[in-house]
Amino acid sequence: MSTFESRVQDHELQVRRLRSQDRPSELASALNNLAVALGDVGRRQDALALLEEAVTIRRHLADTNPNAYLPDLASSLNNLAVALGEVGRRQDALAVLEEAVTIRRHLADTNPNAYLPDLASSLNNLGGNLMDTGRLNDALAVLEEAVAIRRHLADTNPNAYLPDLASSLNNLGGNLMDTGRLNDALAVLEEAVTIRRHLADTNPNAYLPDLASSLNNLGGNLMDTGRLNDALAVLEEAVAIRRHLADTNPNAYLPDLASSLNNLGTYLLTTGRTEDAIGTFSEATAAASQLDAGSLRLTAASGLGRALASAGRASEALAALRTALEFAVVGLGPDHPNTLATRYNLALWTGQVGDADEARQLFTDLLADQTRILGPDHPNTLATRRLLGEVGGA
């Protein structure tokens, strides 16, 4: 039995003991601890149910005695929102995080020394959620506030708050990249890597996962800004760290490994190392498939299809793109833009392998859906219409 599984058993015993007693506050804390342990072994749905129960208990306690229990309720809401995001329920997570921020802002107004760190934590999570749901400008303001609070805290107590500052810098860097401010993002991400490398040198067990996350983001930024040689070294370091972590705890770290492999595969394909890209995307697909990580499987399978196509292995590329489409429909839904993009690639390569009739039908069906979902004048719709004309369909 692994250390992580042993920890789950210990927390389960504690929860069972407290359920038999009338000690709701302690039970809520025990439920939270068990949920964290379950998350560490990849049992995210089980963790989510326990966190929802903890919120219910603490909401009742806060209703009867807000001065005593509002901080605990905000803590449980924050944890619940993170768990909801991990299982893809980002809109549900958004409402929960907004409630946590409201409570913690009120608490910080009355006692900033005690509650500013908690407010920054919820702001950091809210900013990440807003990014995931496409509200990039709203996310920027929230993340900048989180960074400002945490920089102030780290100035006064670096040992306690530097890890939190690095977390907010990592999120802010991602937001700046998504909004096209690549140079601003580079400076922010380099600061996050510097902090996390120092932390990982002193305590690798605690901080290596965070260092790999920042390296992953920095590598993407260096690619986008054309610093390809620098990007390769950073991306390879991220993969090496996450491969080590996944070897020790695959349930927790295989999705992260798949993410870094996808980024490295994109780099290799972009720089013409096609065979290396095929191997990297193949490994990413296998890693994501082990834990049914839907969006990562889609990215990996799509990347594999592109790499195989670049190598002239059209039939294999077609098979990979069919697999990617299955992942997209199940994980994202039939009308998601990424699903439509995967259908476009599938139709394109169906024509490349010489099946003009099937390609024509795929483009015809896709054009109808793009017109309905994206509109007749969307660039992707126009591209499909052009290619359909080239294969004799319009």
Protein backbone atom coordinates (compact mmCIF):
# COMPACT_ATOMS: atom_id res chain seq x y z
CA MET A 1 0.00 0.00 0.00
CA SER A 2 1.37 3.43 -0.95
CA THR A 3 1.78 6.32 1.48
CA PHE A 4 -1.07 8.13 -0.28
CA GLU A 5 -3.46 5.19 0.06
CA SER A 6 -2.50 4.73 3.72
CA ARG A 7 -3.32 8.38 4.31
CA VAL A 8 -6.76 7.86 2.77
CA GLN A 9 -7.45 4.96 5.15
CA ASP A 10 -6.40 7.02 8.17
CA HIS A 11 -8.73 9.87 7.21
CA GLU A 12 -11.59 7.46 6.48
CA LEU A 13 -11.29 6.06 10.01
CA GLN A 14 -11.40 9.58 11.42
CA VAL A 15 -14.53 10.45 9.44
CA ARG A 16 -16.30 7.25 10.50
CA ARG A 17 -15.50 7.98 14.13
CA LEU A 18 -16.81 11.54 13.97
CA ARG A 19 -19.99 10.55 12.12
CA SER A 20 -20.98 8.57 15.22
CA GLN A 21 -20.62 11.66 17.42
CA ASP A 22 -22.34 15.04 17.51
CA ARG A 23 -19.29 17.13 16.56
CA PRO A 24 -20.21 18.78 13.24
CA SER A 25 -17.34 21.27 13.09
CA GLU A 26 -14.73 18.55 13.54
CA LEU A 27 -16.56 16.31 11.08
CA ALA A 28 -16.45 19.05 8.43
CA SER A 29 -12.68 19.40 8.94
CA ALA A 30 -12.21 15.63 8.71
CA LEU A 31 -14.28 15.49 5.51
CA ASN A 32 -12.08 18.20 4.02
CA ASN A 33 -8.90 16.31 4.95
CA LEU A 34 -10.23 13.07 3.50
CA ALA A 35 -11.19 14.86 0.29
CA VAL A 36 -7.64 16.17 -0.11
CA ALA A 37 -6.25 12.66 0.41
CA LEU A 38 -8.68 11.22 -2.14
CA GLY A 39 -7.66 13.88 -4.65
CA ASP A 40 -4.04 12.83 -4.21
CA VAL A 41 -4.91 9.32 -5.42
CA GLY A 42 -7.06 10.55 -8.33
CA ARG A 43 -10.48 9.87 -6.76
CA ARG A 44 -11.82 13.30 -7.66
CA GLN A 45 -15.53 12.48 -7.78
CA ASP A 46 -15.39 10.91 -4.31
CA ALA A 47 -13.52 13.96 -3.03
CA LEU A 48 -16.14 16.26 -4.55
CA ALA A 49 -19.00 14.56 -2.69
CA LEU A 50 -17.20 14.95 0.64
CA LEU A 51 -16.46 18.62 0.02
CA GLU A 52 -20.11 19.27 -0.80
CA GLU A 53 -21.04 17.66 2.52
CA ALA A 54 -18.47 19.79 4.36
CA VAL A 55 -19.95 22.95 2.81
CA THR A 56 -23.45 21.94 3.87
CA ILE A 57 -22.32 21.40 7.47
CA ARG A 58 -20.35 24.62 7.64
CA ARG A 59 -23.13 26.67 6.01
CA HIS A 60 -25.51 25.53 8.75
CA LEU A 61 -22.94 26.38 11.44
CA ALA A 62 -22.30 29.82 9.90
CA ASP A 63 -26.03 30.54 9.82
CA THR A 64 -26.21 30.01 13.58
CA ASN A 65 -22.88 31.68 14.49
CA PRO A 66 -21.35 33.68 11.63
CA ASN A 67 -18.53 35.21 13.67
CA ALA A 68 -17.23 31.77 14.58
CA TYR A 69 -17.86 29.80 11.39
CA LEU A 70 -17.83 32.12 8.35
CA PRO A 71 -14.06 31.64 7.89
CA ASP A 72 -14.53 27.86 7.85
CA LEU A 73 -17.39 28.13 5.36
CA ALA A 74 -15.23 30.23 3.03
CA SER A 75 -12.42 27.66 3.30
CA SER A 76 -14.76 24.82 2.35
CA LEU A 77 -16.24 26.82 -0.52
CA ASN A 78 -12.73 27.51 -1.83
CA ASN A 79 -11.84 23.81 -1.71
CA LEU A 80 -15.15 22.79 -3.30
CA ALA A 81 -14.61 25.20 -6.17
CA VAL A 82 -11.16 23.73 -6.89
CA ALA A 83 -12.66 20.22 -6.91
CA LEU A 84 -15.48 21.29 -9.25
CA GLY A 85 -12.92 22.76 -11.65
CA GLU A 86 -10.90 19.54 -11.62
CA VAL A 87 -13.92 17.56 -12.85
CA GLY A 88 -14.78 20.14 -15.52
CA ARG A 89 -17.72 21.86 -13.77
CA ARG A 90 -16.27 25.33 -14.22
CA GLN A 91 -19.52 27.29 -14.21
CA ASP A 92 -20.55 25.68 -10.93
CA ALA A 93 -17.09 26.44 -9.57
CA LEU A 94 -17.44 30.10 -10.58
CA ALA A 95 -20.53 30.66 -8.43
CA VAL A 96 -18.89 28.94 -5.47
CA LEU A 97 -15.69 30.99 -5.80
CA GLU A 98 -17.58 34.25 -6.05
CA GLU A 99 -19.31 33.43 -2.76
CA ALA A 100 -15.96 32.55 -1.15
CA VAL A 101 -14.43 35.85 -2.35
CA THR A 102 -17.40 37.84 -1.02
CA ILE A 103 -17.09 36.24 2.43
CA ARG A 104 -13.32 36.59 2.57
CA ARG A 105 -13.35 40.20 1.36
CA HIS A 106 -15.73 41.04 4.20
CA LEU A 107 -13.50 39.23 6.70
CA ALA A 108 -10.35 40.94 5.35
CA ASP A 109 -12.01 44.35 5.64
CA THR A 110 -12.58 43.73 9.35
CA ASN A 111 -9.26 42.00 10.10
CA PRO A 112 -6.72 42.23 7.26
CA ASN A 113 -3.84 40.66 9.17
CA ALA A 114 -5.85 37.51 9.75
CA TYR A 115 -7.75 37.20 6.46
CA LEU A 116 -5.85 38.88 3.61
CA PRO A 117 -4.00 35.61 2.81
CA ASP A 118 -7.32 33.77 2.52
CA LEU A 119 -8.78 36.50 0.29
CA ALA A 120 -5.74 36.24 -2.01
CA SER A 121 -6.19 32.46 -2.22
CA SER A 122 -9.81 32.78 -3.34
CA LEU A 123 -8.94 35.58 -5.77
CA ASN A 124 -6.21 33.40 -7.27
CA ASN A 125 -8.67 30.53 -7.78
CA LEU A 126 -11.36 32.86 -9.11
CA GLY A 127 -8.93 34.32 -11.63
CA GLY A 128 -8.03 30.86 -12.86
CA ASN A 129 -11.69 29.96 -13.23
CA LEU A 130 -12.47 33.15 -15.14
CA MET A 131 -9.62 32.32 -17.52
CA ASP A 132 -10.97 28.80 -18.05
CA THR A 133 -14.42 30.18 -18.86
CA GLY A 134 -13.07 32.73 -21.36
CA ARG A 135 -13.54 35.90 -19.25
CA LEU A 136 -9.95 37.01 -19.72
CA ASN A 137 -10.31 40.71 -18.90
CA ASP A 138 -12.22 39.96 -15.69
CA ALA A 139 -9.57 37.39 -14.83
CA LEU A 140 -6.75 39.90 -15.33
CA ALA A 141 -8.11 42.34 -12.77
CA VAL A 142 -8.69 39.57 -10.22
CA LEU A 143 -5.24 38.02 -10.71
CA GLU A 144 -3.49 41.38 -10.49
CA GLU A 145 -5.24 41.98 -7.15
CA ALA A 146 -4.13 38.54 -5.92
CA VAL A 147 -0.52 39.23 -6.97
CA ALA A 148 -0.54 42.64 -5.27
CA ILE A 149 -1.79 41.16 -1.98
CA ARG A 150 0.63 38.25 -2.07
CA ARG A 151 3.61 40.41 -3.01
CA HIS A 152 2.89 42.57 0.03
CA LEU A 153 2.59 39.49 2.24
CA ALA A 154 5.80 37.95 0.82
CA ASP A 155 7.69 41.18 1.46
CA THR A 156 6.77 40.96 5.15
CA ASN A 157 7.16 37.16 5.52
CA PRO A 158 8.85 35.48 2.54
CA ASN A 159 9.09 32.04 4.12
CA ALA A 160 5.35 31.89 4.58
CA TYR A 161 4.11 33.63 1.43
CA LEU A 162 6.62 33.22 -1.42
CA PRO A 163 4.93 29.96 -2.56
CA ASP A 164 1.59 31.77 -2.77
CA LEU A 165 3.12 34.67 -4.70
CA ALA A 166 4.60 32.22 -7.22
CA SER A 167 1.19 30.59 -7.68
CA SER A 168 -0.48 33.91 -8.47
CA LEU A 169 2.37 34.94 -10.78
CA ASN A 170 1.98 31.66 -12.65
CA ASN A 171 -1.73 32.30 -13.18
CA LEU A 172 -1.19 35.93 -14.13
CA GLY A 173 1.46 34.91 -16.66
CA GLY A 174 -0.98 32.49 -18.25
CA ASN A 175 -3.61 35.23 -18.51
CA LEU A 176 -1.17 37.67 -20.10
CA MET A 177 -0.23 35.01 -22.66
CA ASP A 178 -3.88 34.36 -23.51
CA THR A 179 -4.49 38.08 -24.04
CA GLY A 180 -1.46 38.45 -26.33
CA ARG A 181 0.80 40.34 -23.91
CA LEU A 182 3.66 37.92 -24.43
CA ASN A 183 6.54 40.09 -23.23
CA ASP A 184 4.69 41.03 -20.05
CA ALA A 185 3.90 37.36 -19.54
CA LEU A 186 7.54 36.38 -20.01
CA ALA A 187 8.73 38.60 -17.16
CA VAL A 188 6.00 37.34 -14.84
CA LEU A 189 6.61 33.66 -15.65
CA GLU A 190 10.37 34.01 -15.26
CA GLU A 191 9.81 35.44 -11.78
CA ALA A 192 7.51 32.52 -10.92
CA VAL A 193 10.13 30.00 -12.12
CA THR A 194 12.88 31.73 -10.13
CA ILE A 195 10.85 31.59 -6.93
CA ARG A 196 9.74 28.00 -7.44
CA ARG A 197 13.20 26.77 -8.37
CA HIS A 198 14.50 28.20 -5.10
CA LEU A 199 11.64 26.54 -3.18
CA ALA A 200 12.17 23.20 -4.94
CA ASP A 201 15.88 23.29 -4.13
CA THR A 202 15.04 23.55 -0.44
CA ASN A 203 12.04 21.18 -0.40
CA PRO A 204 11.69 19.14 -3.62
CA ASN A 205 8.88 16.91 -2.34
CA ALA A 206 6.67 19.93 -1.72
CA TYR A 207 7.58 22.20 -4.62
CA LEU A 208 8.74 20.18 -7.64
CA PRO A 209 5.15 19.90 -8.99
CA ASP A 210 4.81 23.68 -8.83
CA LEU A 211 8.16 24.23 -10.54
CA ALA A 212 7.11 21.92 -13.38
CA SER A 213 3.87 23.87 -13.81
CA SER A 214 5.71 27.17 -14.15
CA LEU A 215 8.29 25.65 -16.50
CA ASN A 216 5.47 24.30 -18.65
CA ASN A 217 3.95 27.78 -18.97
CA LEU A 218 7.31 29.46 -19.52
CA GLY A 219 8.19 26.99 -22.28
CA GLY A 220 4.96 27.83 -24.08
CA ASN A 221 5.68 31.53 -23.80
CA LEU A 222 9.23 31.13 -25.14
CA MET A 223 7.84 29.23 -28.12
CA ASP A 224 5.30 31.96 -28.81
CA THR A 225 7.98 34.66 -28.66
CA GLY A 226 10.31 32.77 -31.02
CA ARG A 227 12.98 31.80 -28.50
CA LEU A 228 12.94 28.19 -29.62
CA ASN A 229 16.28 27.04 -28.23
CA ASP A 230 15.42 28.41 -24.79
CA ALA A 231 11.95 26.84 -25.04
CA LEU A 232 13.32 23.35 -25.71
CA ALA A 233 15.46 23.27 -22.57
CA VAL A 234 12.57 24.51 -20.42
CA LEU A 235 10.01 22.08 -21.88
CA GLU A 236 12.38 19.13 -21.53
CA GLU A 237 12.99 20.01 -17.89
CA ALA A 238 9.23 20.16 -17.25
CA VAL A 239 8.77 16.73 -18.84
CA ALA A 240 11.65 15.25 -16.85
CA ILE A 241 10.23 16.49 -13.54
CA ARG A 242 6.70 15.35 -14.33
CA ARG A 243 7.89 11.97 -15.58
CA HIS A 244 9.61 11.46 -12.22
CA LEU A 245 6.49 12.56 -10.34
CA ALA A 246 4.22 10.31 -12.42
CA ASP A 247 6.50 7.36 -11.70
CA THR A 248 5.97 7.87 -7.96
CA ASN A 249 2.24 8.76 -8.06
CA PRO A 250 0.66 8.14 -11.48
CA ASN A 251 -2.90 8.88 -10.35
CA ALA A 252 -1.97 12.38 -9.30
CA TYR A 253 0.63 13.33 -11.93
CA LEU A 254 -0.06 11.51 -15.21
CA PRO A 255 -2.36 14.33 -16.42
CA ASP A 256 0.42 16.86 -15.78
CA LEU A 257 2.90 14.67 -17.64
CA ALA A 258 0.51 14.45 -20.59
CA SER A 259 0.18 18.24 -20.62
CA SER A 260 3.95 18.77 -20.74
CA LEU A 261 4.37 16.07 -23.38
CA ASN A 262 1.74 17.80 -25.53
CA ASN A 263 3.68 21.07 -25.28
CA LEU A 264 6.97 19.37 -26.08
CA GLY A 265 5.35 17.53 -29.01
CA THR A 266 4.08 20.83 -30.41
CA TYR A 267 7.59 22.28 -30.16
CA LEU A 268 9.14 19.27 -31.90
CA LEU A 269 6.57 19.39 -34.70
CA THR A 270 7.01 23.15 -35.13
CA THR A 271 10.79 22.80 -35.44
CA GLY A 272 10.62 19.95 -37.95
CA ARG A 273 11.55 17.06 -35.66
CA THR A 274 8.57 15.08 -36.87
CA GLU A 275 9.54 11.58 -35.78
CA ASP A 276 10.38 12.82 -32.28
CA ALA A 277 7.00 14.59 -32.22
CA ILE A 278 5.20 11.37 -33.16
CA GLY A 279 6.82 9.53 -30.26
CA THR A 280 6.09 12.35 -27.83
CA PHE A 281 2.43 12.71 -28.81
CA SER A 282 2.02 8.92 -28.67
CA GLU A 283 3.31 8.92 -25.09
CA ALA A 284 1.03 11.83 -24.23
CA THR A 285 -1.99 9.98 -25.61
CA ALA A 286 -1.14 6.90 -23.55
CA ALA A 287 -0.62 8.94 -20.37
CA ALA A 288 -3.89 10.85 -20.76
CA SER A 289 -5.82 7.69 -21.62
CA GLN A 290 -4.78 5.92 -18.41
CA LEU A 291 -6.85 8.37 -16.33
CA ASP A 292 -9.41 9.28 -18.98
CA ALA A 293 -8.21 12.91 -19.07
CA GLY A 294 -10.52 13.97 -21.90
CA SER A 295 -9.17 17.36 -23.02
CA LEU A 296 -5.57 16.15 -22.80
CA ARG A 297 -6.42 13.04 -24.82
CA LEU A 298 -7.95 15.27 -27.49
CA THR A 299 -4.86 17.51 -27.64
CA ALA A 300 -2.52 14.52 -27.76
CA ALA A 301 -4.47 12.60 -30.40
CA SER A 302 -4.85 15.73 -32.55
CA GLY A 303 -1.15 16.44 -32.25
CA LEU A 304 -0.34 12.86 -33.16
CA GLY A 305 -2.54 13.15 -36.23
CA ARG A 306 -0.75 16.33 -37.34
CA ALA A 307 2.66 14.78 -36.77
CA LEU A 308 1.80 11.63 -38.70
CA ALA A 309 0.42 13.75 -41.51
CA SER A 310 3.64 15.78 -41.63
CA ALA A 311 5.58 12.53 -41.91
CA GLY A 312 3.48 11.51 -44.91
CA ARG A 313 1.77 8.70 -42.98
CA ALA A 314 -1.69 9.76 -44.07
CA SER A 315 -3.63 6.61 -43.20
CA GLU A 316 -2.22 6.59 -39.66
CA ALA A 317 -2.94 10.31 -39.35
CA LEU A 318 -6.53 9.66 -40.33
CA ALA A 319 -6.91 6.98 -37.64
CA ALA A 320 -5.45 9.33 -35.00
CA LEU A 321 -7.83 12.12 -36.03
CA ARG A 322 -10.82 9.78 -35.82
CA THR A 323 -9.74 8.95 -32.29
CA ALA A 324 -9.37 12.66 -31.50
CA LEU A 325 -12.88 13.30 -32.79
CA GLU A 326 -14.30 10.62 -30.50
CA PHE A 327 -12.60 12.31 -27.54
CA ALA A 328 -13.88 15.74 -28.63
CA VAL A 329 -17.51 14.70 -29.02
CA VAL A 330 -17.58 12.93 -25.65
CA GLY A 331 -15.49 15.42 -23.69
CA LEU A 332 -16.51 18.75 -25.24
CA GLY A 333 -19.77 18.10 -27.04
CA PRO A 334 -20.58 18.07 -30.77
CA ASP A 335 -20.91 21.85 -31.10
CA HIS A 336 -17.69 22.89 -29.35
CA PRO A 337 -15.29 24.88 -31.60
CA ASN A 338 -12.51 22.37 -30.94
CA THR A 339 -14.79 19.53 -32.04
CA LEU A 340 -15.54 21.40 -35.27
CA ALA A 341 -11.81 22.01 -35.81
CA THR A 342 -11.11 18.30 -35.38
CA ARG A 343 -13.82 17.47 -37.92
CA TYR A 344 -12.18 19.91 -40.35
CA ASN A 345 -8.82 18.16 -40.02
CA LEU A 346 -10.45 14.77 -40.40
CA ALA A 347 -12.21 15.84 -43.61
CA LEU A 348 -9.01 17.38 -44.95
CA TRP A 349 -6.96 14.22 -44.43
CA THR A 350 -9.70 11.97 -45.69
CA GLY A 351 -9.26 13.78 -48.99
CA GLN A 352 -5.49 13.50 -48.73
CA VAL A 353 -5.68 9.70 -48.59
CA GLY A 354 -7.71 9.73 -51.81
CA ASP A 355 -11.29 9.23 -50.57
CA ALA A 356 -12.80 12.24 -52.32
CA ASP A 357 -16.43 11.14 -51.90
CA GLU A 358 -16.08 10.66 -48.13
CA ALA A 359 -14.18 13.96 -47.80
CA ARG A 360 -16.91 15.75 -49.74
CA GLN A 361 -19.58 14.37 -47.41
CA LEU A 362 -17.59 15.26 -44.29
CA PHE A 363 -17.04 18.82 -45.52
CA THR A 364 -20.72 19.16 -46.46
CA ASP A 365 -21.89 18.06 -43.01
CA LEU A 366 -19.30 20.24 -41.31
CA LEU A 367 -20.23 23.32 -43.33
CA ALA A 368 -23.87 23.01 -42.26
CA ASP A 369 -22.90 22.79 -38.58
CA GLN A 370 -20.33 25.61 -38.80
CA THR A 371 -22.92 27.86 -40.48
CA ARG A 372 -25.39 27.08 -37.68
CA ILE A 373 -22.91 27.43 -34.80
CA LEU A 374 -20.27 29.93 -35.97
CA GLY A 375 -22.21 31.82 -38.63
CA PRO A 376 -21.84 31.92 -42.41
CA ASP A 377 -19.07 34.56 -42.41
CA HIS A 378 -16.83 33.07 -39.75
CA PRO A 379 -13.28 32.42 -41.07
CA ASN A 380 -13.53 28.71 -40.28
CA THR A 381 -16.85 28.45 -42.11
CA LEU A 382 -15.38 30.21 -45.14
CA ALA A 383 -12.33 27.91 -45.12
CA THR A 384 -14.58 24.84 -45.16
CA ARG A 385 -16.67 26.28 -47.98
CA ARG A 386 -13.51 26.90 -50.02
CA LEU A 387 -12.21 23.37 -49.51
CA LEU A 388 -15.60 21.88 -50.26
CA GLY A 389 -15.48 23.70 -53.59
CA GLU A 390 -12.07 22.20 -54.28
CA VAL A 391 -13.37 18.67 -53.80
CA GLY A 392 -16.37 19.38 -56.03
CA GLY A 393 -19.09 19.83 -53.43
CA ALA A 394 -20.06 23.47 -53.86
